[in-house]
Amino acid sequence: MNHVVGPPLQSLLESALDLAGDPERRIKFQADVQDYVDMSISSTINLPAWGSDLNNPDTVEPCAQMLAKYAHRLRAFTCYADGSRGGQPLTAVPYSEASNRQG
C-alpha cells in the first residue's frame, strides 16, 4: 500500500537533515525516548557541512557542551557533518521522489 501525504502535511514532515540546523533538538529527542526504553538507541546526528555558518570553528565548543549535557542519558550516538565522508548515511531526497519509490 502506497501512502501519500498531501501538500498541506508535507510541510510538517521533517527529516534528519532538516534537523541538522538544530542538533540539540535532535539529541534531546533521542535522550527523551531513551529514558523510556531498555534497549540501546544508537543514531546519527547529522550536522551541516564543515565550514558553514552552523558548523565551523566557532561552533565546536558549544556543540561539545550540548552533547555533554545529554550524554549521560544516552547509550550511543554518532555525529557526521554533511559531505564528511563518501557514502554518507543520509542524503536529501525531495519528498515527491521518496514517496514514489517502491521497495
N, C-alpha and C. Protein backbone atom coordinates (compact mmCIF):
# COMPACT_ATOMS: atom_id res chain seq x y z
N MET A 1 0.85 -1.18 0.00
CA MET A 1 0.00 0.00 0.00
C MET A 1 0.89 1.23 0.00
N ASN A 2 0.65 2.13 -0.90
CA ASN A 2 1.44 3.35 -1.03
C ASN A 2 0.70 4.49 -0.33
N HIS A 3 1.27 4.97 0.76
CA HIS A 3 0.66 6.08 1.49
C HIS A 3 1.25 7.39 0.99
N VAL A 4 0.40 8.28 0.58
CA VAL A 4 0.84 9.57 0.06
C VAL A 4 0.34 10.65 1.00
N VAL A 5 1.23 11.53 1.38
CA VAL A 5 0.88 12.65 2.23
C VAL A 5 0.64 13.85 1.32
N GLY A 6 -0.52 14.47 1.48
CA GLY A 6 -0.87 15.61 0.64
C GLY A 6 -0.04 16.84 0.96
N PRO A 7 -0.05 17.83 0.07
CA PRO A 7 0.74 19.05 0.23
C PRO A 7 0.58 19.75 1.58
N PRO A 8 -0.62 19.82 2.18
CA PRO A 8 -0.70 20.51 3.47
C PRO A 8 0.15 19.85 4.55
N LEU A 9 0.26 18.52 4.51
CA LEU A 9 1.04 17.81 5.53
C LEU A 9 2.52 17.71 5.19
N GLN A 10 2.87 17.82 3.91
CA GLN A 10 4.27 17.71 3.53
C GLN A 10 5.12 18.75 4.24
N SER A 11 4.57 19.92 4.46
CA SER A 11 5.35 20.97 5.12
C SER A 11 5.60 20.66 6.60
N LEU A 12 4.88 19.71 7.17
CA LEU A 12 5.05 19.33 8.57
C LEU A 12 6.07 18.21 8.75
N LEU A 13 6.40 17.50 7.68
CA LEU A 13 7.35 16.39 7.76
C LEU A 13 8.77 16.92 7.87
N GLU A 14 9.54 16.30 8.75
CA GLU A 14 10.93 16.68 8.91
C GLU A 14 11.80 15.44 8.74
N SER A 15 12.93 15.62 8.14
CA SER A 15 13.89 14.54 8.02
C SER A 15 15.05 14.82 8.97
N ALA A 16 15.94 13.85 9.10
CA ALA A 16 17.12 14.06 9.92
C ALA A 16 17.95 15.23 9.40
N LEU A 17 17.96 15.41 8.08
CA LEU A 17 18.70 16.53 7.52
C LEU A 17 18.04 17.86 7.84
N ASP A 18 16.70 17.86 7.96
CA ASP A 18 16.01 19.09 8.35
C ASP A 18 16.44 19.53 9.75
N LEU A 19 16.76 18.55 10.59
CA LEU A 19 17.15 18.85 11.96
C LEU A 19 18.64 19.20 12.09
N ALA A 20 19.37 19.18 10.99
CA ALA A 20 20.81 19.46 11.04
C ALA A 20 21.11 20.85 11.59
N GLY A 21 20.22 21.78 11.36
CA GLY A 21 20.43 23.14 11.87
C GLY A 21 20.10 23.28 13.34
N ASP A 22 19.53 22.22 13.95
CA ASP A 22 19.16 22.25 15.37
C ASP A 22 19.51 20.91 16.01
N PRO A 23 20.82 20.59 16.11
CA PRO A 23 21.20 19.28 16.63
C PRO A 23 20.75 19.06 18.07
N GLU A 24 20.59 20.11 18.85
CA GLU A 24 20.14 19.90 20.23
C GLU A 24 18.72 19.34 20.27
N ARG A 25 17.87 19.83 19.40
CA ARG A 25 16.50 19.30 19.33
C ARG A 25 16.54 17.81 19.00
N ARG A 26 17.42 17.43 18.10
CA ARG A 26 17.56 16.04 17.68
C ARG A 26 18.08 15.16 18.82
N ILE A 27 19.15 15.60 19.49
CA ILE A 27 19.74 14.77 20.55
C ILE A 27 18.83 14.73 21.78
N LYS A 28 18.12 15.81 22.06
CA LYS A 28 17.17 15.82 23.17
C LYS A 28 16.05 14.82 22.92
N PHE A 29 15.56 14.75 21.69
CA PHE A 29 14.53 13.79 21.34
C PHE A 29 15.04 12.37 21.62
N GLN A 30 16.25 12.06 21.18
CA GLN A 30 16.81 10.74 21.41
C GLN A 30 16.92 10.45 22.90
N ALA A 31 17.39 11.43 23.68
CA ALA A 31 17.52 11.24 25.13
C ALA A 31 16.15 11.02 25.77
N ASP A 32 15.15 11.77 25.34
CA ASP A 32 13.80 11.62 25.90
C ASP A 32 13.24 10.23 25.63
N VAL A 33 13.45 9.71 24.43
CA VAL A 33 12.96 8.37 24.11
C VAL A 33 13.76 7.33 24.88
N GLN A 34 15.09 7.50 24.94
CA GLN A 34 15.94 6.53 25.63
C GLN A 34 15.56 6.37 27.09
N ASP A 35 15.04 7.42 27.70
CA ASP A 35 14.61 7.34 29.10
C ASP A 35 13.55 6.27 29.33
N TYR A 36 12.81 5.91 28.28
CA TYR A 36 11.66 5.01 28.44
C TYR A 36 11.83 3.64 27.80
N VAL A 37 13.02 3.33 27.29
CA VAL A 37 13.24 2.01 26.71
C VAL A 37 14.49 1.37 27.32
N ASP A 38 14.46 0.05 27.43
CA ASP A 38 15.60 -0.68 28.00
C ASP A 38 16.72 -0.89 27.00
N MET A 39 16.35 -1.06 25.74
CA MET A 39 17.37 -1.34 24.73
C MET A 39 18.11 -0.05 24.35
N SER A 40 19.23 -0.23 23.74
CA SER A 40 20.04 0.90 23.33
C SER A 40 19.53 1.50 22.02
N ILE A 41 19.50 2.81 21.96
CA ILE A 41 19.18 3.52 20.73
C ILE A 41 20.49 4.16 20.27
N SER A 42 20.93 3.80 19.10
CA SER A 42 22.10 4.42 18.51
C SER A 42 21.67 5.09 17.22
N SER A 43 21.98 6.32 17.08
CA SER A 43 21.58 7.01 15.86
C SER A 43 22.58 8.08 15.50
N THR A 44 22.41 8.57 14.31
CA THR A 44 23.34 9.56 13.75
C THR A 44 22.77 10.96 13.88
N ILE A 45 23.60 11.84 14.33
CA ILE A 45 23.26 13.26 14.38
C ILE A 45 23.90 13.88 13.14
N ASN A 46 23.07 14.41 12.28
CA ASN A 46 23.56 14.99 11.03
C ASN A 46 23.79 16.48 11.22
N LEU A 47 25.03 16.87 11.05
CA LEU A 47 25.40 18.27 11.19
C LEU A 47 25.55 18.90 9.81
N PRO A 48 25.40 20.21 9.72
CA PRO A 48 25.65 20.88 8.43
C PRO A 48 27.11 20.68 8.02
N ALA A 49 27.40 20.92 6.77
CA ALA A 49 28.76 20.77 6.25
C ALA A 49 29.74 21.64 7.03
N TRP A 50 30.95 21.11 7.22
CA TRP A 50 32.00 21.86 7.90
C TRP A 50 32.32 23.13 7.10
N GLY A 51 32.48 24.22 7.81
CA GLY A 51 32.76 25.50 7.17
C GLY A 51 31.52 26.33 6.93
N SER A 52 30.35 25.75 7.19
CA SER A 52 29.10 26.51 7.02
C SER A 52 28.87 27.39 8.25
N ASP A 53 27.87 28.24 8.18
CA ASP A 53 27.56 29.12 9.30
C ASP A 53 27.23 28.34 10.57
N LEU A 54 26.66 27.13 10.42
CA LEU A 54 26.24 26.35 11.58
C LEU A 54 27.25 25.29 12.03
N ASN A 55 28.35 25.14 11.29
CA ASN A 55 29.37 24.15 11.65
C ASN A 55 30.74 24.68 11.23
N ASN A 56 31.41 25.30 12.18
CA ASN A 56 32.69 25.94 11.92
C ASN A 56 33.47 25.99 13.23
N PRO A 57 34.70 26.49 13.23
CA PRO A 57 35.49 26.50 14.47
C PRO A 57 34.78 27.18 15.65
N ASP A 58 33.95 28.17 15.39
CA ASP A 58 33.25 28.86 16.48
C ASP A 58 32.12 28.03 17.08
N THR A 59 31.65 27.01 16.39
CA THR A 59 30.52 26.21 16.89
C THR A 59 30.96 24.91 17.56
N VAL A 60 32.24 24.57 17.50
CA VAL A 60 32.72 23.29 18.04
C VAL A 60 32.48 23.21 19.55
N GLU A 61 32.93 24.19 20.29
CA GLU A 61 32.79 24.14 21.76
C GLU A 61 31.33 24.13 22.20
N PRO A 62 30.47 25.01 21.66
CA PRO A 62 29.05 24.92 22.05
C PRO A 62 28.42 23.57 21.70
N CYS A 63 28.79 22.98 20.58
CA CYS A 63 28.26 21.67 20.21
C CYS A 63 28.74 20.60 21.19
N ALA A 64 30.01 20.62 21.54
CA ALA A 64 30.55 19.66 22.50
C ALA A 64 29.85 19.80 23.85
N GLN A 65 29.60 21.02 24.29
CA GLN A 65 28.89 21.24 25.56
C GLN A 65 27.46 20.72 25.48
N MET A 66 26.80 20.91 24.36
CA MET A 66 25.44 20.41 24.19
C MET A 66 25.42 18.89 24.25
N LEU A 67 26.36 18.23 23.57
CA LEU A 67 26.42 16.77 23.61
C LEU A 67 26.69 16.27 25.02
N ALA A 68 27.59 16.94 25.74
CA ALA A 68 27.89 16.55 27.12
C ALA A 68 26.66 16.69 28.02
N LYS A 69 25.83 17.67 27.74
CA LYS A 69 24.61 17.91 28.52
C LYS A 69 23.67 16.70 28.48
N TYR A 70 23.61 15.99 27.34
CA TYR A 70 22.70 14.87 27.17
C TYR A 70 23.38 13.51 27.23
N ALA A 71 24.70 13.44 27.16
CA ALA A 71 25.42 12.17 27.05
C ALA A 71 25.09 11.20 28.18
N HIS A 72 24.86 11.67 29.38
CA HIS A 72 24.57 10.77 30.49
C HIS A 72 23.23 10.04 30.34
N ARG A 73 22.37 10.52 29.46
CA ARG A 73 21.07 9.89 29.22
C ARG A 73 21.08 9.00 27.98
N LEU A 74 22.19 8.95 27.28
CA LEU A 74 22.27 8.23 26.01
C LEU A 74 23.18 7.02 26.14
N ARG A 75 22.97 6.06 25.25
CA ARG A 75 23.85 4.89 25.20
C ARG A 75 24.80 4.97 24.02
N ALA A 76 24.39 5.64 22.95
CA ALA A 76 25.27 5.76 21.78
C ALA A 76 24.77 6.83 20.84
N PHE A 77 25.69 7.54 20.21
CA PHE A 77 25.34 8.45 19.12
C PHE A 77 26.58 8.67 18.27
N THR A 78 26.35 9.04 17.04
CA THR A 78 27.41 9.33 16.09
C THR A 78 27.09 10.66 15.44
N CYS A 79 28.10 11.47 15.20
CA CYS A 79 27.90 12.74 14.53
C CYS A 79 28.63 12.73 13.18
N TYR A 80 27.93 13.15 12.15
CA TYR A 80 28.53 13.31 10.83
C TYR A 80 28.18 14.68 10.30
N ALA A 81 29.19 15.35 9.79
CA ALA A 81 28.93 16.60 9.07
C ALA A 81 28.60 16.25 7.62
N ASP A 82 27.62 16.93 7.06
CA ASP A 82 27.22 16.69 5.68
C ASP A 82 28.43 16.77 4.77
N GLY A 83 28.63 15.76 3.94
CA GLY A 83 29.74 15.74 3.00
C GLY A 83 31.06 15.29 3.59
N SER A 84 31.07 14.84 4.86
CA SER A 84 32.33 14.49 5.51
C SER A 84 32.88 13.13 5.10
N ARG A 85 32.06 12.32 4.48
CA ARG A 85 32.55 11.01 4.06
C ARG A 85 31.79 10.53 2.84
N GLY A 86 32.44 9.73 2.05
CA GLY A 86 31.78 9.13 0.90
C GLY A 86 30.74 8.12 1.37
N GLY A 87 29.65 8.03 0.67
CA GLY A 87 28.60 7.10 1.07
C GLY A 87 27.97 7.46 2.39
N GLN A 88 27.87 8.73 2.66
CA GLN A 88 27.34 9.17 3.95
C GLN A 88 25.96 8.58 4.18
N PRO A 89 25.60 8.43 5.46
CA PRO A 89 24.36 7.73 5.80
C PRO A 89 23.10 8.34 5.21
N LEU A 90 23.01 9.64 5.16
CA LEU A 90 21.80 10.28 4.68
C LEU A 90 22.10 11.30 3.59
N THR A 91 21.25 11.33 2.61
CA THR A 91 21.31 12.38 1.61
C THR A 91 19.89 12.89 1.39
N ALA A 92 19.77 14.14 1.05
CA ALA A 92 18.45 14.73 0.85
C ALA A 92 17.81 14.20 -0.43
N VAL A 93 16.54 13.86 -0.32
CA VAL A 93 15.74 13.43 -1.47
C VAL A 93 14.43 14.19 -1.39
N PRO A 94 13.99 14.83 -2.47
CA PRO A 94 12.71 15.54 -2.43
C PRO A 94 11.58 14.59 -2.03
N TYR A 95 10.63 15.08 -1.26
CA TYR A 95 9.51 14.25 -0.80
C TYR A 95 8.80 13.58 -1.97
N SER A 96 8.58 14.31 -3.05
CA SER A 96 7.85 13.74 -4.19
C SER A 96 8.59 12.53 -4.75
N GLU A 97 9.92 12.57 -4.76
CA GLU A 97 10.70 11.43 -5.26
C GLU A 97 10.64 10.27 -4.27
N ALA A 98 10.79 10.55 -2.99
CA ALA A 98 10.76 9.50 -1.97
C ALA A 98 9.41 8.81 -1.91
N SER A 99 8.34 9.57 -2.07
CA SER A 99 7.00 8.98 -1.96
C SER A 99 6.66 8.11 -3.17
N ASN A 100 7.40 8.26 -4.26
CA ASN A 100 7.16 7.45 -5.46
C ASN A 100 8.03 6.21 -5.53
N ARG A 101 8.98 6.07 -4.60
CA ARG A 101 9.87 4.90 -4.62
C ARG A 101 9.12 3.67 -4.16
N GLN A 102 9.40 2.57 -4.80
CA GLN A 102 8.80 1.29 -4.43
C GLN A 102 9.91 0.42 -3.83
N GLY A 103 9.55 -0.42 -2.89
CA GLY A 103 10.53 -1.37 -2.40
C GLY A 103 10.75 -1.22 -0.99
